[in-house]
Amino acid sequence: MASLYHLAPLTPRDDSTVPMARQQGRVLAKVTNYNALRRDIGVKAIGRVMQDMAARLRVAMPDAEVEPVGRDVIEVAFSIAEPAALAQIVVKCRAICGVPIQVDRISCLPKMAIAGACAPADGDSTLLIERAEAALTDAEAAAAPRTRPAGAVEETVVAEVDRALDRGEMVLHYQPKVHIRRQAIDCVEALVRWQHPQRGLVLPGHFIPATERAQRMERLTLWTIAQSIVDQRALRTQGHDVRIFINISGHLLADAEFVRLACACIAAAPDARLGFEVTETSVIRDPDAAITHLREFDRIGVRISIDDYGAGLSSLAYLKQLPACELKIDKLFITQLTSSNRDPLIVRSTIDLAHALDMEVVAEGVETQAALALLSVMGCDMAQGYFISPALALTPLAAFLAAEQHRQATQDVRGSFTRRAAGWKRG
């Protein structure tokens, strides 16, 4: 967490006995990992995080005006007797925002950049805001992580993940994918969570990236495959036969030993119905090995899904060679589907391309009824996102499937598409 403050220059006074004019101040507190939190907990949950943080600031500073401005910034406006007090307020805001927030039993600690500025009370308020924004930009730069190769920190994280596997602290949550036309849940995506004994439920963003950078995903992925098979059998006994999709890290696609172990694990469970999600960039790293190994998985009944399509270097040359049955459009295009003129055109053309290649299309990051309605009109096959359901532990997932809660989200999806459909067709 970084904090900076800018003090507006004061006009020197000849008479040092003249009291200093009161100052107006602004502090801006910005969540710098907003997009990552949005992926992990959803837009509604992160909205509650921002509201909770603003409420804490109001309680701690009753004389200040505290308001969220935009999706990821909170503004604190106040009056102080002298510029030196600004630093104390910035530090106070930093302490308040540095306390974890519980959302849906998940402990969230947003990464913050906090900055402030002050100026004479009768000065230009617009100039004050500009100075506060400039200070915030400096604070964000100070808070930004420095790019570096995998080293001691990554090795520490990997060691912690290994110990967590040894102690049985890793768990799987599952996010449903709803088939839009059939209003049915045919499959779910397995997402790893760490049930830490002290820190609570740790989201994957805190340990997966470092493990991937260290190219040490093999054990965790093999555990995920094995646990998915166990959980799938448990769901089947309750009448829910869904295919489980598992994310496969790029470096594992070129690892022949991993492929052998994964195939052996799946072969030992002939009733398993699995799918693997791989990104385009992971195939491009070593296309010959990746395509060969993906075809091996395809031969034993594993469905292949191309994940995050459009977010990286999309290559039709590789896409047509992959034994993929499914293409997932990256949430980057879906979250702005109803507020952008270009994104609907890109999404529609991607759906048409995938269908021409005999692939079903999944839209991930669906968070509104309007987006789901427009996707339905475009011919998208499946939707995944917080509007349908967040990722659920096994028992809540079984309850969700039994109650058919997804039908409420998918019913009457055509009712709200007319205006948006006309817009993208004109575009």
Protein backbone atom coordinates (compact mmCIF):
# COMPACT_ATOMS: atom_id res chain seq x y z
CA MET A 1 0.00 0.00 0.00
CA ALA A 2 1.43 3.34 -1.04
CA SER A 3 0.56 6.79 0.25
CA LEU A 4 1.67 10.22 -0.93
CA TYR A 5 0.53 13.75 -0.30
CA HIS A 6 1.01 17.04 -2.10
CA LEU A 7 0.99 20.37 -0.28
CA ALA A 8 -0.14 23.40 -2.23
CA PRO A 9 2.43 26.23 -2.20
CA LEU A 10 1.53 29.04 0.21
CA THR A 11 2.09 32.73 -0.33
CA PRO A 12 4.80 33.97 2.09
CA ARG A 13 3.65 36.48 4.65
CA ASP A 14 5.71 39.42 5.86
CA ASP A 15 3.95 39.37 9.23
CA SER A 16 4.62 36.02 10.89
CA THR A 17 1.99 36.79 13.51
CA VAL A 18 -0.82 36.58 10.96
CA PRO A 19 -2.62 33.26 11.52
CA MET A 20 -2.46 30.74 8.69
CA ALA A 21 -5.69 30.32 6.72
CA ARG A 22 -7.55 27.01 7.07
CA GLN A 23 -6.95 24.47 4.36
CA GLN A 24 -9.30 22.37 2.27
CA GLY A 25 -8.03 18.86 1.69
CA ARG A 26 -8.78 15.86 -0.48
CA VAL A 27 -7.59 12.30 -0.04
CA LEU A 28 -8.18 9.72 -2.78
CA ALA A 29 -8.07 6.00 -1.95
CA LYS A 30 -7.93 3.73 -5.01
CA VAL A 31 -8.17 -0.07 -5.20
CA THR A 32 -5.30 -0.90 -7.56
CA ASN A 33 -6.24 -4.57 -7.98
CA TYR A 34 -9.90 -3.88 -8.76
CA ASN A 35 -9.95 -6.01 -11.93
CA ALA A 36 -8.37 -8.99 -10.16
CA LEU A 37 -10.86 -8.75 -7.29
CA ARG A 38 -13.70 -8.45 -9.77
CA ARG A 39 -12.63 -11.71 -11.38
CA ASP A 40 -12.36 -13.43 -7.99
CA ILE A 41 -15.49 -12.21 -6.19
CA GLY A 42 -17.65 -10.49 -8.82
CA VAL A 43 -18.77 -6.92 -9.41
CA LYS A 44 -21.54 -6.98 -6.77
CA ALA A 45 -19.23 -8.25 -4.06
CA ILE A 46 -16.51 -5.72 -4.80
CA GLY A 47 -19.21 -3.05 -4.71
CA ARG A 48 -19.93 -4.14 -1.14
CA VAL A 49 -16.19 -3.95 -0.39
CA MET A 50 -16.12 -0.32 -1.56
CA GLN A 51 -19.24 0.52 0.46
CA ASP A 52 -17.80 -1.12 3.58
CA MET A 53 -14.52 0.76 3.18
CA ALA A 54 -16.35 4.08 2.75
CA ALA A 55 -18.47 3.35 5.83
CA ARG A 56 -15.33 2.68 7.90
CA LEU A 57 -13.83 5.98 6.79
CA ARG A 58 -17.02 7.87 7.70
CA VAL A 59 -17.05 6.37 11.20
CA ALA A 60 -13.37 7.14 11.78
CA MET A 61 -13.63 10.68 10.37
CA PRO A 62 -17.11 12.02 11.16
CA ASP A 63 -16.17 15.59 10.18
CA ALA A 64 -15.12 14.55 6.67
CA GLU A 65 -17.26 13.97 3.59
CA VAL A 66 -16.61 10.46 2.26
CA GLU A 67 -18.00 9.40 -1.11
CA PRO A 68 -17.10 6.70 -3.69
CA VAL A 69 -16.19 8.34 -7.01
CA GLY A 70 -16.18 5.89 -9.87
CA ARG A 71 -15.96 2.17 -9.38
CA ASP A 72 -12.60 1.93 -7.60
CA VAL A 73 -11.89 5.28 -5.86
CA ILE A 74 -13.13 6.78 -2.60
CA GLU A 75 -12.79 10.53 -2.05
CA VAL A 76 -12.40 12.04 1.42
CA ALA A 77 -13.00 15.81 1.67
CA PHE A 78 -12.13 17.72 4.85
CA SER A 79 -10.93 20.95 6.40
CA ILE A 80 -7.69 21.25 8.39
CA ALA A 81 -5.98 23.99 10.33
CA GLU A 82 -2.59 23.58 8.68
CA PRO A 83 -1.06 21.64 5.74
CA ALA A 84 1.03 19.44 8.03
CA ALA A 85 -2.17 17.72 9.20
CA LEU A 86 -2.69 16.28 5.71
CA ALA A 87 0.01 13.66 6.23
CA GLN A 88 -1.71 12.46 9.41
CA ILE A 89 -5.02 12.05 7.59
CA VAL A 90 -3.38 10.11 4.75
CA VAL A 91 -1.77 7.78 7.29
CA LYS A 92 -5.12 7.37 9.07
CA CYS A 93 -6.89 6.47 5.82
CA ARG A 94 -4.15 4.01 5.05
CA ALA A 95 -4.61 2.26 8.41
CA ILE A 96 -8.41 2.06 7.98
CA CYS A 97 -8.17 0.67 4.44
CA GLY A 98 -5.50 -1.83 5.48
CA VAL A 99 -7.92 -4.02 7.46
CA PRO A 100 -9.34 -7.13 5.69
CA ILE A 101 -13.03 -7.07 4.72
CA GLN A 102 -15.24 -10.16 4.90
CA VAL A 103 -17.44 -10.72 1.82
CA ASP A 104 -19.44 -13.94 1.53
CA ARG A 105 -17.14 -15.57 4.10
CA ILE A 106 -14.09 -14.64 2.01
CA SER A 107 -11.48 -12.35 3.51
CA CYS A 108 -10.57 -9.60 1.01
CA LEU A 109 -7.66 -7.22 1.42
CA PRO A 110 -7.70 -4.78 -1.50
CA LYS A 111 -4.37 -3.35 -2.61
CA MET A 112 -4.56 0.39 -2.17
CA ALA A 113 -2.92 3.55 -3.45
CA ILE A 114 -3.76 6.49 -1.17
CA ALA A 115 -2.83 10.09 -1.87
CA GLY A 116 -3.85 13.59 -0.86
CA ALA A 117 -3.47 17.29 -1.49
CA CYS A 118 -4.50 20.48 0.25
CA ALA A 119 -4.83 24.17 -0.56
CA PRO A 120 -6.23 27.32 1.07
CA ALA A 121 -9.95 27.03 1.79
CA ASP A 122 -10.74 29.94 -0.53
CA GLY A 123 -8.64 28.48 -3.35
CA ASP A 124 -9.65 26.76 -6.58
CA SER A 125 -11.31 23.40 -5.74
CA THR A 126 -10.73 22.14 -9.29
CA LEU A 127 -7.01 22.74 -8.95
CA LEU A 128 -7.09 20.90 -5.62
CA ILE A 129 -8.66 17.83 -7.22
CA GLU A 130 -6.07 17.91 -10.00
CA ARG A 131 -3.28 17.95 -7.40
CA ALA A 132 -4.89 15.07 -5.51
CA GLU A 133 -5.18 13.06 -8.75
CA ALA A 134 -1.55 13.79 -9.58
CA ALA A 135 -0.55 12.56 -6.13
CA LEU A 136 -2.66 9.43 -6.66
CA THR A 137 -0.89 8.74 -9.95
CA ASP A 138 2.45 8.95 -8.10
CA ALA A 139 1.11 6.64 -5.38
CA GLU A 140 -0.01 4.07 -7.95
CA ALA A 141 3.43 4.11 -9.55
CA ALA A 142 5.01 3.58 -6.15
CA ALA A 143 2.65 0.70 -5.39
CA ALA A 144 3.10 -1.06 -8.74
CA PRO A 145 5.01 -4.36 -8.47
CA ARG A 146 8.41 -4.47 -10.11
CA THR A 147 8.83 -7.03 -12.85
CA ARG A 148 11.37 -9.67 -11.89
CA PRO A 149 12.13 -13.32 -12.61
CA ALA A 150 10.89 -16.12 -10.37
CA GLY A 151 13.10 -16.25 -7.31
CA ALA A 152 12.99 -16.60 -3.58
CA VAL A 153 9.44 -15.28 -3.21
CA GLU A 154 8.07 -17.68 -5.82
CA GLU A 155 9.91 -20.60 -4.25
CA THR A 156 8.44 -19.69 -0.87
CA VAL A 157 4.92 -19.64 -2.32
CA VAL A 158 5.46 -22.98 -4.06
CA ALA A 159 6.71 -24.50 -0.81
CA GLU A 160 3.62 -23.19 0.99
CA VAL A 161 1.35 -24.65 -1.70
CA ASP A 162 3.09 -28.03 -1.36
CA ARG A 163 2.61 -27.94 2.41
CA ALA A 164 -1.04 -26.98 1.94
CA LEU A 165 -1.53 -30.02 -0.29
CA ASP A 166 0.17 -32.22 2.29
CA ARG A 167 -2.15 -30.90 5.02
CA GLY A 168 -5.32 -31.15 2.91
CA GLU A 169 -5.94 -27.40 2.92
CA MET A 170 -6.69 -27.06 -0.78
CA VAL A 171 -10.34 -27.23 -1.84
CA LEU A 172 -12.21 -26.91 -5.11
CA HIS A 173 -15.09 -24.58 -5.85
CA TYR A 174 -17.11 -24.91 -9.02
CA GLN A 175 -18.64 -22.19 -11.21
CA PRO A 176 -21.56 -23.38 -13.34
CA LYS A 177 -21.88 -22.80 -17.07
CA VAL A 178 -25.51 -22.56 -18.18
CA HIS A 179 -26.64 -23.62 -21.63
CA ILE A 180 -28.70 -20.61 -22.66
CA ARG A 181 -31.23 -22.25 -25.00
CA ARG A 182 -31.78 -25.39 -22.93
CA GLN A 183 -31.60 -23.54 -19.60
CA ALA A 184 -29.53 -26.42 -18.26
CA ILE A 185 -26.25 -26.76 -16.38
CA ASP A 186 -24.17 -29.24 -18.38
CA CYS A 187 -20.76 -28.42 -16.96
CA VAL A 188 -18.84 -26.48 -14.32
CA GLU A 189 -15.35 -25.03 -14.05
CA ALA A 190 -13.14 -26.19 -11.17
CA LEU A 191 -11.39 -23.35 -9.34
CA VAL A 192 -8.79 -23.93 -6.62
CA ARG A 193 -9.13 -22.28 -3.22
CA TRP A 194 -6.79 -22.48 -0.23
CA GLN A 195 -8.52 -22.97 3.11
CA HIS A 196 -5.73 -21.49 5.21
CA PRO A 197 -5.97 -22.23 8.97
CA GLN A 198 -5.13 -18.61 9.92
CA ARG A 199 -5.92 -16.50 6.86
CA GLY A 200 -9.22 -18.12 5.95
CA LEU A 201 -10.21 -18.77 2.36
CA VAL A 202 -7.34 -17.59 0.14
CA LEU A 203 -8.24 -16.81 -3.47
CA PRO A 204 -6.09 -18.20 -6.32
CA GLY A 205 -4.68 -14.81 -7.29
CA HIS A 206 -2.52 -14.96 -4.17
CA PHE A 207 -0.72 -18.20 -5.06
CA ILE A 208 -1.45 -19.43 -8.61
CA PRO A 209 0.52 -16.75 -10.54
CA ALA A 210 3.71 -17.32 -8.51
CA THR A 211 3.36 -21.09 -8.87
CA GLU A 212 2.92 -20.72 -12.63
CA ARG A 213 5.91 -18.39 -12.93
CA ALA A 214 7.99 -20.99 -11.11
CA GLN A 215 6.61 -23.64 -13.52
CA ARG A 216 5.56 -25.80 -10.58
CA MET A 217 1.89 -26.39 -11.36
CA GLU A 218 2.18 -30.13 -11.96
CA ARG A 219 1.34 -31.39 -8.47
CA LEU A 220 -1.50 -28.93 -7.90
CA THR A 221 -3.03 -29.71 -11.30
CA LEU A 222 -2.83 -33.48 -10.82
CA TRP A 223 -4.47 -33.03 -7.41
CA THR A 224 -7.20 -30.95 -9.07
CA ILE A 225 -7.87 -33.68 -11.63
CA ALA A 226 -8.07 -36.39 -8.96
CA GLN A 227 -10.27 -34.29 -6.63
CA SER A 228 -12.57 -33.32 -9.50
CA ILE A 229 -13.17 -37.00 -10.21
CA VAL A 230 -14.01 -37.65 -6.55
CA ASP A 231 -16.36 -34.65 -6.39
CA GLN A 232 -17.99 -35.58 -9.69
CA ARG A 233 -18.88 -39.00 -8.33
CA ALA A 234 -20.36 -37.38 -5.22
CA LEU A 235 -22.53 -35.13 -7.40
CA ARG A 236 -23.60 -38.09 -9.53
CA THR A 237 -24.93 -39.93 -6.48
CA GLN A 238 -27.19 -36.91 -5.92
CA GLY A 239 -28.47 -36.99 -9.50
CA HIS A 240 -26.22 -34.33 -11.01
CA ASP A 241 -24.04 -35.56 -13.87
CA VAL A 242 -21.99 -32.56 -14.97
CA ARG A 243 -18.71 -32.37 -16.84
CA ILE A 244 -15.94 -30.65 -14.89
CA PHE A 245 -13.50 -28.38 -16.70
CA ILE A 246 -9.99 -27.88 -15.30
CA ASN A 247 -7.51 -25.13 -16.17
CA ILE A 248 -4.20 -26.42 -17.53
CA SER A 249 -1.15 -24.17 -17.24
CA GLY A 250 0.76 -23.46 -20.43
CA HIS A 251 4.07 -25.05 -19.45
CA LEU A 252 2.30 -28.34 -18.62
CA LEU A 253 1.05 -28.76 -22.19
CA ALA A 254 4.61 -29.35 -23.35
CA ASP A 255 5.46 -31.66 -20.42
CA ALA A 256 5.24 -35.27 -21.60
CA GLU A 257 5.51 -36.64 -18.05
CA PHE A 258 2.58 -34.55 -16.85
CA VAL A 259 0.52 -35.71 -19.82
CA ARG A 260 1.33 -39.34 -19.03
CA LEU A 261 0.35 -38.95 -15.36
CA ALA A 262 -2.83 -37.03 -16.18
CA CYS A 263 -3.92 -39.64 -18.74
CA ALA A 264 -3.22 -42.44 -16.24
CA CYS A 265 -5.31 -40.69 -13.58
CA ILE A 266 -8.23 -40.28 -15.98
CA ALA A 267 -7.91 -43.82 -17.37
CA ALA A 268 -8.22 -45.18 -13.83
CA ALA A 269 -11.66 -43.55 -13.62
CA PRO A 270 -13.57 -44.62 -16.74
CA ASP A 271 -16.71 -42.86 -15.51
CA ALA A 272 -14.96 -39.47 -15.36
CA ARG A 273 -16.31 -36.67 -17.57
CA LEU A 274 -13.67 -33.97 -17.70
CA GLY A 275 -12.63 -31.04 -19.85
CA PHE A 276 -9.41 -29.06 -19.98
CA GLU A 277 -9.32 -25.30 -20.50
CA VAL A 278 -6.18 -24.02 -22.21
CA THR A 279 -5.27 -20.55 -23.42
CA GLU A 280 -4.14 -19.64 -26.92
CA THR A 281 -0.82 -18.35 -25.63
CA SER A 282 -0.10 -21.65 -23.91
CA VAL A 283 -0.40 -23.43 -27.25
CA ILE A 284 1.81 -20.93 -29.05
CA ARG A 285 4.68 -21.53 -26.59
CA ASP A 286 5.36 -24.96 -28.08
CA PRO A 287 2.66 -25.62 -30.69
CA ASP A 288 3.87 -29.02 -31.90
CA ALA A 289 4.02 -30.54 -28.40
CA ALA A 290 0.85 -28.78 -27.25
CA ILE A 291 -1.24 -29.92 -30.21
CA THR A 292 0.09 -33.50 -29.93
CA HIS A 293 -0.72 -33.68 -26.22
CA LEU A 294 -4.14 -32.07 -26.61
CA ARG A 295 -4.99 -34.72 -29.20
CA GLU A 296 -3.98 -37.38 -26.65
CA PHE A 297 -6.39 -35.90 -24.13
CA ASP A 298 -9.08 -35.72 -26.80
CA ARG A 299 -8.62 -39.43 -27.59
CA ILE A 300 -9.40 -40.43 -24.00
CA GLY A 301 -12.59 -38.37 -23.91
CA VAL A 302 -11.38 -35.09 -22.42
CA ARG A 303 -13.12 -32.11 -24.01
CA ILE A 304 -10.81 -29.24 -24.93
CA SER A 305 -11.86 -25.65 -24.39
CA ILE A 306 -9.95 -22.61 -25.66
CA ASP A 307 -9.95 -20.19 -22.72
CA ASP A 308 -9.69 -16.37 -22.74
CA TYR A 309 -10.16 -16.17 -26.51
CA GLY A 310 -9.35 -12.70 -27.79
CA ALA A 311 -7.28 -11.64 -24.78
CA GLY A 312 -3.98 -12.73 -26.27
CA LEU A 313 -2.56 -13.37 -29.71
CA SER A 314 -5.43 -15.05 -31.55
CA SER A 315 -4.07 -17.28 -34.30
CA LEU A 316 -6.40 -19.02 -36.72
CA ALA A 317 -3.47 -21.09 -37.93
CA TYR A 318 -3.31 -22.85 -34.55
CA LEU A 319 -7.02 -22.66 -33.77
CA LYS A 320 -7.97 -24.81 -36.74
CA GLN A 321 -5.47 -27.52 -35.69
CA LEU A 322 -6.68 -27.90 -32.11
CA PRO A 323 -9.11 -30.68 -31.19
CA ALA A 324 -11.26 -28.14 -29.37
CA CYS A 325 -14.99 -28.48 -28.87
CA GLU A 326 -15.48 -25.21 -27.03
CA LEU A 327 -14.30 -21.62 -27.24
CA LYS A 328 -14.57 -19.20 -24.31
CA ILE A 329 -14.76 -15.51 -25.13
CA ASP A 330 -12.67 -13.52 -22.69
CA LYS A 331 -14.59 -11.55 -20.07
CA LEU A 332 -12.85 -8.39 -21.30
CA PHE A 333 -15.40 -8.29 -24.14
CA ILE A 334 -18.40 -9.53 -22.15
CA THR A 335 -18.31 -7.13 -19.21
CA GLN A 336 -18.69 -4.15 -21.57
CA LEU A 337 -21.01 -5.87 -24.01
CA THR A 338 -23.99 -3.56 -23.39
CA SER A 339 -22.00 -0.34 -23.02
CA SER A 340 -19.73 -0.57 -26.06
CA ASN A 341 -20.36 -0.26 -29.79
CA ARG A 342 -17.45 -2.45 -30.89
CA ASP A 343 -17.51 -5.29 -28.37
CA PRO A 344 -20.88 -6.68 -29.59
CA LEU A 345 -19.53 -6.81 -33.15
CA ILE A 346 -16.39 -8.65 -31.99
CA VAL A 347 -18.41 -11.08 -29.89
CA ARG A 348 -20.90 -11.81 -32.68
CA SER A 349 -18.15 -12.44 -35.24
CA THR A 350 -16.33 -14.71 -32.77
CA ILE A 351 -19.50 -16.73 -32.19
CA ASP A 352 -19.99 -17.14 -35.94
CA LEU A 353 -16.34 -18.19 -36.38
CA ALA A 354 -16.53 -20.77 -33.61
CA HIS A 355 -19.75 -22.25 -34.96
CA ALA A 356 -18.16 -22.50 -38.41
CA LEU A 357 -15.39 -24.56 -36.77
CA ASP A 358 -17.99 -26.81 -35.04
CA MET A 359 -17.27 -25.39 -31.59
CA GLU A 360 -19.69 -24.29 -28.92
CA VAL A 361 -19.19 -20.83 -27.45
CA VAL A 362 -19.03 -19.87 -23.78
CA ALA A 363 -19.21 -16.25 -22.68
CA GLU A 364 -17.43 -15.76 -19.35
CA GLY A 365 -17.91 -12.75 -17.13
CA VAL A 366 -21.69 -12.47 -17.60
CA GLU A 367 -22.84 -10.13 -14.83
CA THR A 368 -26.14 -8.64 -16.04
CA GLN A 369 -29.48 -9.73 -17.48
CA ALA A 370 -28.94 -7.40 -20.43
CA ALA A 371 -25.64 -9.05 -21.37
CA LEU A 372 -27.21 -12.51 -21.15
CA ALA A 373 -30.13 -11.42 -23.31
CA LEU A 374 -27.87 -10.00 -26.00
CA LEU A 375 -25.69 -13.13 -25.99
CA SER A 376 -28.80 -15.24 -26.46
CA VAL A 377 -29.81 -13.24 -29.53
CA MET A 378 -26.28 -13.54 -30.93
CA GLY A 379 -26.49 -17.33 -30.74
CA CYS A 380 -24.03 -17.85 -27.89
CA ASP A 381 -24.36 -21.38 -26.50
CA MET A 382 -23.35 -21.03 -22.85
CA ALA A 383 -22.85 -18.33 -20.24
CA GLN A 384 -20.71 -18.24 -17.12
CA GLY A 385 -20.44 -15.48 -14.56
CA TYR A 386 -21.73 -13.99 -11.36
CA PHE A 387 -25.16 -13.29 -12.82
CA ILE A 388 -25.59 -17.06 -13.10
CA SER A 389 -23.66 -18.04 -9.99
CA PRO A 390 -20.33 -17.45 -8.26
CA ALA A 391 -17.98 -20.36 -7.73
CA LEU A 392 -19.52 -22.69 -5.13
CA ALA A 393 -18.17 -25.34 -2.80
CA LEU A 394 -19.41 -28.87 -3.48
CA THR A 395 -22.36 -28.90 -1.06
CA PRO A 396 -23.75 -25.47 -2.10
CA LEU A 397 -23.25 -26.48 -5.74
CA ALA A 398 -25.39 -29.60 -5.27
CA ALA A 399 -28.08 -27.44 -3.63
CA PHE A 400 -27.87 -24.91 -6.48
CA LEU A 401 -28.32 -27.65 -9.07
CA ALA A 402 -31.15 -29.31 -7.17
CA ALA A 403 -33.04 -26.03 -6.84
CA GLU A 404 -32.45 -25.22 -10.53
CA GLN A 405 -31.65 -21.65 -9.53
CA HIS A 406 -30.10 -20.99 -12.93
CA ARG A 407 -33.55 -21.02 -14.53
CA GLN A 408 -34.42 -17.75 -12.86
CA ALA A 409 -31.40 -16.11 -14.49
CA THR A 410 -32.05 -17.50 -17.95
CA GLN A 411 -35.83 -17.14 -18.21
CA ASP A 412 -37.14 -14.47 -20.52
CA VAL A 413 -33.63 -13.57 -21.71
CA ARG A 414 -35.02 -12.13 -24.93
CA GLY A 415 -37.13 -9.53 -23.19
CA SER A 416 -34.42 -6.91 -22.81
CA PHE A 417 -32.38 -7.28 -25.96
CA THR A 418 -34.34 -5.28 -28.55
CA ARG A 419 -32.68 -1.90 -28.18
CA ARG A 420 -29.14 -3.28 -27.85
CA ALA A 421 -29.61 -5.72 -30.72
CA ALA A 422 -30.63 -2.88 -33.01
CA GLY A 423 -27.51 -0.96 -31.95
CA TRP A 424 -24.96 -3.60 -32.79
CA LYS A 425 -26.72 -4.53 -36.03
CA ARG A 426 -26.49 -0.91 -37.17
CA GLY A 427 -22.80 -0.86 -36.15
